[in-house]
Amino acid sequence: MSEDQEHKHNDGLLVAPAKPKLKKPNQYRVLLVNDDYTTMEFVVMVLESIFKKTREEAVQIMLHVHQKGKGLCGIFPREIAESKVQQVLEVAKDNEHPLQCTLEPE
């Protein structure tokens, strides 16, 4: 007798196992904002150390920030995105750079 048939023998009803519906957490885009003072090398270092980008990825993002005014560092759940923004702002302040980092809903 199959498992389905066994379930039907219990009052004639087929009972499916309950599956909780988990909502995917809201995602946030973390962006670096261009300024005229932060060095390109510092931006690359931030992207490599905080966002775990390869050298090539970091350079591409840095150039995008430089040319377009802002650039995407990654997409994360809110708590992680907020933490990344705070890390960037702290390392920039510690190194006397005005680099800004923001987040926005995906």
PDB file of N, CA and C in Angstrom:
ATOM      1  N   MET A   1       0.855  -1.184   0.000  1.00  0.00           N
ATOM      2  CA  MET A   1       0.000   0.000   0.000  1.00  0.00           C
ATOM      3  C   MET A   1       0.894   1.239   0.000  1.00  0.00           C
ATOM      4  N   SER A   2       0.608   2.185  -0.884  1.00  0.00           N
ATOM      5  CA  SER A   2       1.429   3.394  -0.971  1.00  0.00           C
ATOM      6  C   SER A   2       1.103   4.332   0.177  1.00  0.00           C
ATOM      7  N   GLU A   3       1.975   5.309   0.368  1.00  0.00           N
ATOM      8  CA  GLU A   3       1.770   6.284   1.433  1.00  0.00           C
ATOM      9  C   GLU A   3       0.483   7.064   1.206  1.00  0.00           C
ATOM     10  N   ASP A   4       0.171   7.397  -0.067  1.00  0.00           N
ATOM     11  CA  ASP A   4      -1.065   8.115  -0.379  1.00  0.00           C
ATOM     12  C   ASP A   4      -2.281   7.284  -0.002  1.00  0.00           C
ATOM     13  N   GLN A   5      -2.227   5.993  -0.296  1.00  0.00           N
ATOM     14  CA  GLN A   5      -3.351   5.130   0.042  1.00  0.00           C
ATOM     15  C   GLN A   5      -3.508   5.023   1.551  1.00  0.00           C
ATOM     16  N   GLU A   6      -2.409   4.996   2.273  1.00  0.00           N
ATOM     17  CA  GLU A   6      -2.488   4.943   3.729  1.00  0.00           C
ATOM     18  C   GLU A   6      -3.162   6.205   4.262  1.00  0.00           C
ATOM     19  N   HIS A   7      -2.827   7.368   3.693  1.00  0.00           N
ATOM     20  CA  HIS A   7      -3.452   8.613   4.135  1.00  0.00           C
ATOM     21  C   HIS A   7      -4.954   8.608   3.830  1.00  0.00           C
ATOM     22  N   LYS A   8      -5.375   7.983   2.718  1.00  0.00           N
ATOM     23  CA  LYS A   8      -6.790   7.954   2.354  1.00  0.00           C
ATOM     24  C   LYS A   8      -7.594   7.081   3.307  1.00  0.00           C
ATOM     25  N   HIS A   9      -6.984   6.076   3.899  1.00  0.00           N
ATOM     26  CA  HIS A   9      -7.693   5.204   4.832  1.00  0.00           C
ATOM     27  C   HIS A   9      -8.020   5.922   6.123  1.00  0.00           C
ATOM     28  N   ASN A  10      -7.332   6.974   6.434  1.00  0.00           N
ATOM     29  CA  ASN A  10      -7.642   7.767   7.622  1.00  0.00           C
ATOM     30  C   ASN A  10      -8.795   8.702   7.277  1.00  0.00           C
ATOM     31  N   ASP A  11      -9.997   8.338   7.549  1.00  0.00           N
ATOM     32  CA  ASP A  11     -11.208   9.127   7.314  1.00  0.00           C
ATOM     33  C   ASP A  11     -11.444   9.439   5.844  1.00  0.00           C
ATOM     34  N   GLY A  12     -10.757   8.762   4.929  1.00  0.00           N
ATOM     35  CA  GLY A  12     -10.972   8.962   3.513  1.00  0.00           C
ATOM     36  C   GLY A  12     -10.408  10.271   2.972  1.00  0.00           C
ATOM     37  N   LEU A  13      -9.659  11.001   3.749  1.00  0.00           N
ATOM     38  CA  LEU A  13      -9.102  12.281   3.309  1.00  0.00           C
ATOM     39  C   LEU A  13      -7.616  12.141   3.048  1.00  0.00           C
ATOM     40  N   LEU A  14      -7.184  12.806   2.019  1.00  0.00           N
ATOM     41  CA  LEU A  14      -5.758  12.851   1.714  1.00  0.00           C
ATOM     42  C   LEU A  14      -5.177  14.077   2.413  1.00  0.00           C
ATOM     43  N   VAL A  15      -4.201  13.846   3.254  1.00  0.00           N
ATOM     44  CA  VAL A  15      -3.613  14.935   4.022  1.00  0.00           C
ATOM     45  C   VAL A  15      -2.206  15.180   3.507  1.00  0.00           C
ATOM     46  N   ALA A  16      -1.985  16.399   3.028  1.00  0.00           N
ATOM     47  CA  ALA A  16      -0.648  16.773   2.551  1.00  0.00           C
ATOM     48  C   ALA A  16       0.131  17.339   3.727  1.00  0.00           C
ATOM     49  N   PRO A  17       1.427  17.038   3.762  1.00  0.00           N
ATOM     50  CA  PRO A  17       2.225  17.618   4.842  1.00  0.00           C
ATOM     51  C   PRO A  17       2.237  19.147   4.743  1.00  0.00           C
ATOM     52  N   ALA A  18       2.158  19.789   5.867  1.00  0.00           N
ATOM     53  CA  ALA A  18       2.139  21.254   5.898  1.00  0.00           C
ATOM     54  C   ALA A  18       3.501  21.792   5.493  1.00  0.00           C
ATOM     55  N   LYS A  19       3.501  22.763   4.582  1.00  0.00           N
ATOM     56  CA  LYS A  19       4.728  23.427   4.160  1.00  0.00           C
ATOM     57  C   LYS A  19       4.606  24.890   4.526  1.00  0.00           C
ATOM     58  N   PRO A  20       5.438  25.342   5.442  1.00  0.00           N
ATOM     59  CA  PRO A  20       5.345  26.768   5.791  1.00  0.00           C
ATOM     60  C   PRO A  20       5.742  27.624   4.602  1.00  0.00           C
ATOM     61  N   LYS A  21       5.004  28.699   4.404  1.00  0.00           N
ATOM     62  CA  LYS A  21       5.310  29.610   3.311  1.00  0.00           C
ATOM     63  C   LYS A  21       6.238  30.692   3.849  1.00  0.00           C
ATOM     64  N   LEU A  22       7.501  30.580   3.465  1.00  0.00           N
ATOM     65  CA  LEU A  22       8.487  31.550   3.915  1.00  0.00           C
ATOM     66  C   LEU A  22       8.616  32.653   2.877  1.00  0.00           C
ATOM     67  N   LYS A  23       8.455  33.862   3.342  1.00  0.00           N
ATOM     68  CA  LYS A  23       8.588  35.002   2.456  1.00  0.00           C
ATOM     69  C   LYS A  23      10.067  35.340   2.327  1.00  0.00           C
ATOM     70  N   LYS A  24      10.530  35.522   1.101  1.00  0.00           N
ATOM     71  CA  LYS A  24      11.914  35.917   0.880  1.00  0.00           C
ATOM     72  C   LYS A  24      12.104  37.322   1.454  1.00  0.00           C
ATOM     73  N   PRO A  25      13.191  37.530   2.210  1.00  0.00           N
ATOM     74  CA  PRO A  25      13.380  38.861   2.801  1.00  0.00           C
ATOM     75  C   PRO A  25      13.558  39.926   1.723  1.00  0.00           C
ATOM     76  N   ASN A  26      13.108  41.140   2.043  1.00  0.00           N
ATOM     77  CA  ASN A  26      13.308  42.258   1.119  1.00  0.00           C
ATOM     78  C   ASN A  26      14.797  42.446   0.888  1.00  0.00           C
ATOM     79  N   GLN A  27      15.154  42.757  -0.338  1.00  0.00           N
ATOM     80  CA  GLN A  27      16.548  42.931  -0.710  1.00  0.00           C
ATOM     81  C   GLN A  27      16.839  44.419  -0.915  1.00  0.00           C
ATOM     82  N   TYR A  28      18.080  44.789  -0.627  1.00  0.00           N
ATOM     83  CA  TYR A  28      18.495  46.181  -0.741  1.00  0.00           C
ATOM     84  C   TYR A  28      19.770  46.276  -1.553  1.00  0.00           C
ATOM     85  N   ARG A  29      19.824  47.290  -2.388  1.00  0.00           N
ATOM     86  CA  ARG A  29      20.999  47.573  -3.219  1.00  0.00           C
ATOM     87  C   ARG A  29      21.925  48.475  -2.425  1.00  0.00           C
ATOM     88  N   VAL A  30      23.192  48.099  -2.325  1.00  0.00           N
ATOM     89  CA  VAL A  30      24.189  48.930  -1.659  1.00  0.00           C
ATOM     90  C   VAL A  30      24.988  49.637  -2.753  1.00  0.00           C
ATOM     91  N   LEU A  31      25.028  50.969  -2.667  1.00  0.00           N
ATOM     92  CA  LEU A  31      25.638  51.795  -3.700  1.00  0.00           C
ATOM     93  C   LEU A  31      26.753  52.667  -3.133  1.00  0.00           C
ATOM     94  N   LEU A  32      27.832  52.801  -3.899  1.00  0.00           N
ATOM     95  CA  LEU A  32      28.871  53.784  -3.591  1.00  0.00           C
ATOM     96  C   LEU A  32      28.579  55.032  -4.406  1.00  0.00           C
ATOM     97  N   VAL A  33      28.838  56.185  -3.805  1.00  0.00           N
ATOM     98  CA  VAL A  33      28.568  57.467  -4.453  1.00  0.00           C
ATOM     99  C   VAL A  33      29.896  58.155  -4.743  1.00  0.00           C
ATOM    100  N   ASN A  34      30.040  58.645  -5.961  1.00  0.00           N
ATOM    101  CA  ASN A  34      31.274  59.307  -6.382  1.00  0.00           C
ATOM    102  C   ASN A  34      31.470  60.635  -5.653  1.00  0.00           C
ATOM    103  N   ASP A  35      32.725  60.965  -5.403  1.00  0.00           N
ATOM    104  CA  ASP A  35      33.088  62.289  -4.909  1.00  0.00           C
ATOM    105  C   ASP A  35      34.413  62.669  -5.568  1.00  0.00           C
ATOM    106  N   ASP A  36      34.832  63.910  -5.378  1.00  0.00           N
ATOM    107  CA  ASP A  36      36.050  64.396  -6.036  1.00  0.00           C
ATOM    108  C   ASP A  36      37.315  64.211  -5.206  1.00  0.00           C
ATOM    109  N   TYR A  37      37.216  63.529  -4.057  1.00  0.00           N
ATOM    110  CA  TYR A  37      38.359  63.461  -3.142  1.00  0.00           C
ATOM    111  C   TYR A  37      38.845  62.045  -2.851  1.00  0.00           C
ATOM    112  N   THR A  38      37.935  61.094  -2.756  1.00  0.00           N
ATOM    113  CA  THR A  38      38.326  59.718  -2.438  1.00  0.00           C
ATOM    114  C   THR A  38      39.109  59.135  -3.605  1.00  0.00           C
ATOM    115  N   THR A  39      40.254  58.539  -3.305  1.00  0.00           N
ATOM    116  CA  THR A  39      41.085  57.982  -4.375  1.00  0.00           C
ATOM    117  C   THR A  39      40.448  56.722  -4.957  1.00  0.00           C
ATOM    118  N   MET A  40      40.755  56.492  -6.215  1.00  0.00           N
ATOM    119  CA  MET A  40      40.247  55.291  -6.884  1.00  0.00           C
ATOM    120  C   MET A  40      40.777  54.035  -6.206  1.00  0.00           C
ATOM    121  N   GLU A  41      42.040  54.079  -5.780  1.00  0.00           N
ATOM    122  CA  GLU A  41      42.637  52.912  -5.122  1.00  0.00           C
ATOM    123  C   GLU A  41      41.929  52.596  -3.808  1.00  0.00           C
ATOM    124  N   PHE A  42      41.517  53.644  -3.069  1.00  0.00           N
ATOM    125  CA  PHE A  42      40.790  53.415  -1.821  1.00  0.00           C
ATOM    126  C   PHE A  42      39.439  52.761  -2.106  1.00  0.00           C
ATOM    127  N   VAL A  43      38.751  53.212  -3.131  1.00  0.00           N
ATOM    128  CA  VAL A  43      37.461  52.617  -3.500  1.00  0.00           C
ATOM    129  C   VAL A  43      37.652  51.146  -3.869  1.00  0.00           C
ATOM    130  N   VAL A  44      38.690  50.834  -4.625  1.00  0.00           N
ATOM    131  CA  VAL A  44      38.974  49.442  -4.987  1.00  0.00           C
ATOM    132  C   VAL A  44      39.225  48.624  -3.719  1.00  0.00           C
ATOM    133  N   MET A  45      39.987  49.160  -2.783  1.00  0.00           N
ATOM    134  CA  MET A  45      40.271  48.457  -1.527  1.00  0.00           C
ATOM    135  C   MET A  45      38.984  48.180  -0.748  1.00  0.00           C
ATOM    136  N   VAL A  46      38.089  49.165  -0.695  1.00  0.00           N
ATOM    137  CA  VAL A  46      36.807  48.997   0.000  1.00  0.00           C
ATOM    138  C   VAL A  46      36.000  47.870  -0.653  1.00  0.00           C
ATOM    139  N   LEU A  47      35.939  47.880  -1.965  1.00  0.00           N
ATOM    140  CA  LEU A  47      35.183  46.855  -2.688  1.00  0.00           C
ATOM    141  C   LEU A  47      35.774  45.457  -2.477  1.00  0.00           C
ATOM    142  N   GLU A  48      37.081  45.376  -2.428  1.00  0.00           N
ATOM    143  CA  GLU A  48      37.731  44.075  -2.207  1.00  0.00           C
ATOM    144  C   GLU A  48      37.549  43.590  -0.767  1.00  0.00           C
ATOM    145  N   SER A  49      37.722  44.486   0.188  1.00  0.00           N
ATOM    146  CA  SER A  49      37.702  44.058   1.584  1.00  0.00           C
ATOM    147  C   SER A  49      36.297  43.913   2.165  1.00  0.00           C
ATOM    148  N   ILE A  50      35.420  44.831   1.885  1.00  0.00           N
ATOM    149  CA  ILE A  50      34.076  44.793   2.487  1.00  0.00           C
ATOM    150  C   ILE A  50      33.101  43.975   1.652  1.00  0.00           C
ATOM    151  N   PHE A  51      33.215  44.085   0.335  1.00  0.00           N
ATOM    152  CA  PHE A  51      32.258  43.395  -0.535  1.00  0.00           C
ATOM    153  C   PHE A  51      32.821  42.130  -1.171  1.00  0.00           C
ATOM    154  N   LYS A  52      34.079  41.799  -0.832  1.00  0.00           N
ATOM    155  CA  LYS A  52      34.731  40.557  -1.301  1.00  0.00           C
ATOM    156  C   LYS A  52      34.757  40.449  -2.825  1.00  0.00           C
ATOM    157  N   LYS A  53      34.964  41.573  -3.483  1.00  0.00           N
ATOM    158  CA  LYS A  53      35.076  41.588  -4.947  1.00  0.00           C
ATOM    159  C   LYS A  53      36.498  41.232  -5.350  1.00  0.00           C
ATOM    160  N   THR A  54      36.630  40.618  -6.515  1.00  0.00           N
ATOM    161  CA  THR A  54      37.965  40.382  -7.053  1.00  0.00           C
ATOM    162  C   THR A  54      38.539  41.733  -7.475  1.00  0.00           C
ATOM    163  N   ARG A  55      39.815  41.783  -7.727  1.00  0.00           N
ATOM    164  CA  ARG A  55      40.457  43.023  -8.181  1.00  0.00           C
ATOM    165  C   ARG A  55      39.772  43.540  -9.446  1.00  0.00           C
ATOM    166  N   GLU A  56      39.525  42.634 -10.394  1.00  0.00           N
ATOM    167  CA  GLU A  56      38.902  43.021 -11.669  1.00  0.00           C
ATOM    168  C   GLU A  56      37.493  43.572 -11.454  1.00  0.00           C
ATOM    169  N   GLU A  57      36.696  42.896 -10.610  1.00  0.00           N
ATOM    170  CA  GLU A  57      35.337  43.373 -10.331  1.00  0.00           C
ATOM    171  C   GLU A  57      35.383  44.738  -9.646  1.00  0.00           C
ATOM    172  N   ALA A  58      36.289  44.873  -8.686  1.00  0.00           N
ATOM    173  CA  ALA A  58      36.405  46.127  -7.938  1.00  0.00           C
ATOM    174  C   ALA A  58      36.774  47.288  -8.851  1.00  0.00           C
ATOM    175  N   VAL A  59      37.706  47.061  -9.763  1.00  0.00           N
ATOM    176  CA  VAL A  59      38.105  48.112 -10.698  1.00  0.00           C
ATOM    177  C   VAL A  59      36.928  48.492 -11.595  1.00  0.00           C
ATOM    178  N   GLN A  60      36.195  47.505 -12.074  1.00  0.00           N
ATOM    179  CA  GLN A  60      35.034  47.794 -12.940  1.00  0.00           C
ATOM    180  C   GLN A  60      33.985  48.620 -12.205  1.00  0.00           C
ATOM    181  N   ILE A  61      33.687  48.240 -10.964  1.00  0.00           N
ATOM    182  CA  ILE A  61      32.697  48.983 -10.180  1.00  0.00           C
ATOM    183  C   ILE A  61      33.202  50.395  -9.892  1.00  0.00           C
ATOM    184  N   MET A  62      34.471  50.510  -9.506  1.00  0.00           N
ATOM    185  CA  MET A  62      35.061  51.821  -9.225  1.00  0.00           C
ATOM    186  C   MET A  62      34.959  52.727 -10.448  1.00  0.00           C
ATOM    187  N   LEU A  63      35.278  52.207 -11.632  1.00  0.00           N
ATOM    188  CA  LEU A  63      35.183  53.014 -12.849  1.00  0.00           C
ATOM    189  C   LEU A  63      33.744  53.425 -13.136  1.00  0.00           C
ATOM    190  N   HIS A  64      32.809  52.528 -12.869  1.00  0.00           N
ATOM    191  CA  HIS A  64      31.395  52.854 -13.059  1.00  0.00           C
ATOM    192  C   HIS A  64      30.992  53.987 -12.107  1.00  0.00           C
ATOM    193  N   VAL A  65      31.407  53.884 -10.845  1.00  0.00           N
ATOM    194  CA  VAL A  65      31.112  54.940  -9.870  1.00  0.00           C
ATOM    195  C   VAL A  65      31.716  56.259 -10.343  1.00  0.00           C
ATOM    196  N   HIS A  66      32.948  56.214 -10.795  1.00  0.00           N
ATOM    197  CA  HIS A  66      33.657  57.420 -11.247  1.00  0.00           C
ATOM    198  C   HIS A  66      32.971  58.067 -12.456  1.00  0.00           C
ATOM    199  N   GLN A  67      32.518  57.241 -13.393  1.00  0.00           N
ATOM    200  CA  GLN A  67      31.941  57.761 -14.630  1.00  0.00           C
ATOM    201  C   GLN A  67      30.451  58.086 -14.521  1.00  0.00           C
ATOM    202  N   LYS A  68      29.706  57.313 -13.745  1.00  0.00           N
ATOM    203  CA  LYS A  68      28.246  57.477 -13.695  1.00  0.00           C
ATOM    204  C   LYS A  68      27.737  58.148 -12.422  1.00  0.00           C
ATOM    205  N   GLY A  69      28.619  58.325 -11.435  1.00  0.00           N
ATOM    206  CA  GLY A  69      28.196  59.003 -10.208  1.00  0.00           C
ATOM    207  C   GLY A  69      27.871  58.072  -9.059  1.00  0.00           C
ATOM    208  N   LYS A  70      27.500  56.858  -9.358  1.00  0.00           N
ATOM    209  CA  LYS A  70      27.274  55.858  -8.318  1.00  0.00           C
ATOM    210  C   LYS A  70      27.340  54.478  -8.946  1.00  0.00           C
ATOM    211  N   GLY A  71      27.561  53.487  -8.095  1.00  0.00           N
ATOM    212  CA  GLY A  71      27.691  52.130  -8.606  1.00  0.00           C
ATOM    213  C   GLY A  71      27.259  51.096  -7.587  1.00  0.00           C
ATOM    214  N   LEU A  72      26.750  49.997  -8.093  1.00  0.00           N
ATOM    215  CA  LEU A  72      26.224  48.912  -7.269  1.00  0.00           C
ATOM    216  C   LEU A  72      27.350  48.035  -6.724  1.00  0.00           C
ATOM    217  N   CYS A  73      27.353  47.872  -5.409  1.00  0.00           N
ATOM    218  CA  CYS A  73      28.338  47.000  -4.745  1.00  0.00           C
ATOM    219  C   CYS A  73      27.779  45.607  -4.511  1.00  0.00           C
ATOM    220  N   GLY A  74      26.464  45.517  -4.336  1.00  0.00           N
ATOM    221  CA  GLY A  74      25.842  44.226  -4.095  1.00  0.00           C
ATOM    222  C   GLY A  74      24.397  44.396  -3.663  1.00  0.00           C
ATOM    223  N   ILE A  75      23.694  43.273  -3.607  1.00  0.00           N
ATOM    224  CA  ILE A  75      22.292  43.250  -3.190  1.00  0.00           C
ATOM    225  C   ILE A  75      22.197  42.272  -2.025  1.00  0.00           C
ATOM    226  N   PHE A  76      21.615  42.753  -0.913  1.00  0.00           N
ATOM    227  CA  PHE A  76      21.618  41.988   0.334  1.00  0.00           C
ATOM    228  C   PHE A  76      20.297  42.157   1.082  1.00  0.00           C
ATOM    229  N   PRO A  77      20.001  41.249   2.027  1.00  0.00           N
ATOM    230  CA  PRO A  77      18.897  41.509   2.964  1.00  0.00           C
ATOM    231  C   PRO A  77      19.208  42.786   3.755  1.00  0.00           C
ATOM    232  N   ARG A  78      18.172  43.412   4.299  1.00  0.00           N
ATOM    233  CA  ARG A  78      18.321  44.732   4.922  1.00  0.00           C
ATOM    234  C   ARG A  78      19.429  44.804   5.965  1.00  0.00           C
ATOM    235  N   GLU A  79      19.470  43.852   6.895  1.00  0.00           N
ATOM    236  CA  GLU A  79      20.449  43.914   7.976  1.00  0.00           C
ATOM    237  C   GLU A  79      21.883  43.858   7.446  1.00  0.00           C
ATOM    238  N   ILE A  80      22.115  43.015   6.471  1.00  0.00           N
ATOM    239  CA  ILE A  80      23.457  42.902   5.888  1.00  0.00           C
ATOM    240  C   ILE A  80      23.795  44.170   5.121  1.00  0.00           C
ATOM    241  N   ALA A  81      22.831  44.685   4.349  1.00  0.00           N
ATOM    242  CA  ALA A  81      23.055  45.923   3.591  1.00  0.00           C
ATOM    243  C   ALA A  81      23.403  47.077   4.538  1.00  0.00           C
ATOM    244  N   GLU A  82      22.656  47.201   5.631  1.00  0.00           N
ATOM    245  CA  GLU A  82      22.929  48.271   6.598  1.00  0.00           C
ATOM    246  C   GLU A  82      24.318  48.106   7.207  1.00  0.00           C
ATOM    247  N   SER A  83      24.692  46.876   7.495  1.00  0.00           N
ATOM    248  CA  SER A  83      26.008  46.606   8.065  1.00  0.00           C
ATOM    249  C   SER A  83      27.124  46.979   7.085  1.00  0.00           C
ATOM    250  N   LYS A  84      26.938  46.641   5.805  1.00  0.00           N
ATOM    251  CA  LYS A  84      27.946  46.973   4.781  1.00  0.00           C
ATOM    252  C   LYS A  84      28.090  48.486   4.649  1.00  0.00           C
ATOM    253  N   VAL A  85      26.970  49.205   4.623  1.00  0.00           N
ATOM    254  CA  VAL A  85      27.009  50.672   4.526  1.00  0.00           C
ATOM    255  C   VAL A  85      27.781  51.237   5.715  1.00  0.00           C
ATOM    256  N   GLN A  86      27.488  50.749   6.910  1.00  0.00           N
ATOM    257  CA  GLN A  86      28.166  51.243   8.113  1.00  0.00           C
ATOM    258  C   GLN A  86      29.664  50.958   8.057  1.00  0.00           C
ATOM    259  N   GLN A  87      30.046  49.783   7.593  1.00  0.00           N
ATOM    260  CA  GLN A  87      31.465  49.435   7.467  1.00  0.00           C
ATOM    261  C   GLN A  87      32.181  50.392   6.516  1.00  0.00           C
ATOM    262  N   VAL A  88      31.544  50.667   5.374  1.00  0.00           N
ATOM    263  CA  VAL A  88      32.154  51.580   4.398  1.00  0.00           C
ATOM    264  C   VAL A  88      32.330  52.959   5.018  1.00  0.00           C
ATOM    265  N   LEU A  89      31.291  53.467   5.660  1.00  0.00           N
ATOM    266  CA  LEU A  89      31.360  54.808   6.239  1.00  0.00           C
ATOM    267  C   LEU A  89      32.432  54.886   7.326  1.00  0.00           C
ATOM    268  N   GLU A  90      32.557  53.838   8.120  1.00  0.00           N
ATOM    269  CA  GLU A  90      33.565  53.838   9.188  1.00  0.00           C
ATOM    270  C   GLU A  90      34.981  53.801   8.618  1.00  0.00           C
ATOM    271  N   VAL A  91      35.232  52.920   7.650  1.00  0.00           N
ATOM    272  CA  VAL A  91      36.585  52.824   7.088  1.00  0.00           C
ATOM    273  C   VAL A  91      36.937  54.111   6.327  1.00  0.00           C
ATOM    274  N   ALA A  92      35.957  54.718   5.682  1.00  0.00           N
ATOM    275  CA  ALA A  92      36.202  55.988   4.984  1.00  0.00           C
ATOM    276  C   ALA A  92      36.558  57.079   5.990  1.00  0.00           C
ATOM    277  N   LYS A  93      35.787  57.172   7.066  1.00  0.00           N
ATOM    278  CA  LYS A  93      36.056  58.186   8.097  1.00  0.00           C
ATOM    279  C   LYS A  93      37.426  57.951   8.723  1.00  0.00           C
ATOM    280  N   ASP A  94      37.736  56.684   9.058  1.00  0.00           N
ATOM    281  CA  ASP A  94      39.028  56.357   9.678  1.00  0.00           C
ATOM    282  C   ASP A  94      40.208  56.738   8.775  1.00  0.00           C
ATOM    283  N   ASN A  95      39.972  56.727   7.466  1.00  0.00           N
ATOM    284  CA  ASN A  95      41.030  57.054   6.511  1.00  0.00           C
ATOM    285  C   ASN A  95      40.885  58.460   5.932  1.00  0.00           C
ATOM    286  N   GLU A  96      40.015  59.251   6.546  1.00  0.00           N
ATOM    287  CA  GLU A  96      39.793  60.649   6.175  1.00  0.00           C
ATOM    288  C   GLU A  96      39.378  60.827   4.713  1.00  0.00           C
ATOM    289  N   HIS A  97      38.469  59.933   4.281  1.00  0.00           N
ATOM    290  CA  HIS A  97      37.877  60.047   2.945  1.00  0.00           C
ATOM    291  C   HIS A  97      36.393  60.373   3.100  1.00  0.00           C
ATOM    292  N   PRO A  98      35.847  61.206   2.217  1.00  0.00           N
ATOM    293  CA  PRO A  98      34.425  61.545   2.291  1.00  0.00           C
ATOM    294  C   PRO A  98      33.516  60.536   1.563  1.00  0.00           C
ATOM    295  N   LEU A  99      34.024  59.358   1.256  1.00  0.00           N
ATOM    296  CA  LEU A  99      33.260  58.359   0.499  1.00  0.00           C
ATOM    297  C   LEU A  99      31.904  58.109   1.149  1.00  0.00           C
ATOM    298  N   GLN A 100      30.871  58.140   0.331  1.00  0.00           N
ATOM    299  CA  GLN A 100      29.515  57.880   0.801  1.00  0.00           C
ATOM    300  C   GLN A 100      29.007  56.565   0.234  1.00  0.00           C
ATOM    301  N   CYS A 101      28.198  55.911   1.043  1.00  0.00           N
ATOM    302  CA  CYS A 101      27.607  54.625   0.664  1.00  0.00           C
ATOM    303  C   CYS A 101      26.164  54.653   1.119  1.00  0.00           C
ATOM    304  N   THR A 102      25.260  54.224   0.248  1.00  0.00           N
ATOM    305  CA  THR A 102      23.836  54.255   0.562  1.00  0.00           C
ATOM    306  C   THR A 102      23.203  52.902   0.253  1.00  0.00           C
ATOM    307  N   LEU A 103      21.967  52.751   0.700  1.00  0.00           N
ATOM    308  CA  LEU A 103      21.206  51.566   0.318  1.00  0.00           C
ATOM    309  C   LEU A 103      19.838  52.010  -0.143  1.00  0.00           C
ATOM    310  N   GLU A 104      19.258  51.199  -1.016  1.00  0.00           N
ATOM    311  CA  GLU A 104      17.911  51.478  -1.512  1.00  0.00           C
ATOM    312  C   GLU A 104      17.224  50.139  -1.737  1.00  0.00           C
ATOM    313  N   PRO A 105      15.894  50.118  -1.579  1.00  0.00           N
ATOM    314  CA  PRO A 105      15.159  48.868  -1.808  1.00  0.00           C
ATOM    315  C   PRO A 105      15.339  48.396  -3.235  1.00  0.00           C
ATOM    316  N   GLU A 106      15.404  47.108  -3.390  1.00  0.00           N
ATOM    317  CA  GLU A 106      15.554  46.485  -4.718  1.00  0.00           C
ATOM    318  C   GLU A 106      14.262  46.651  -5.485  1.00  0.00           C
TER     319      GLU A 106
END
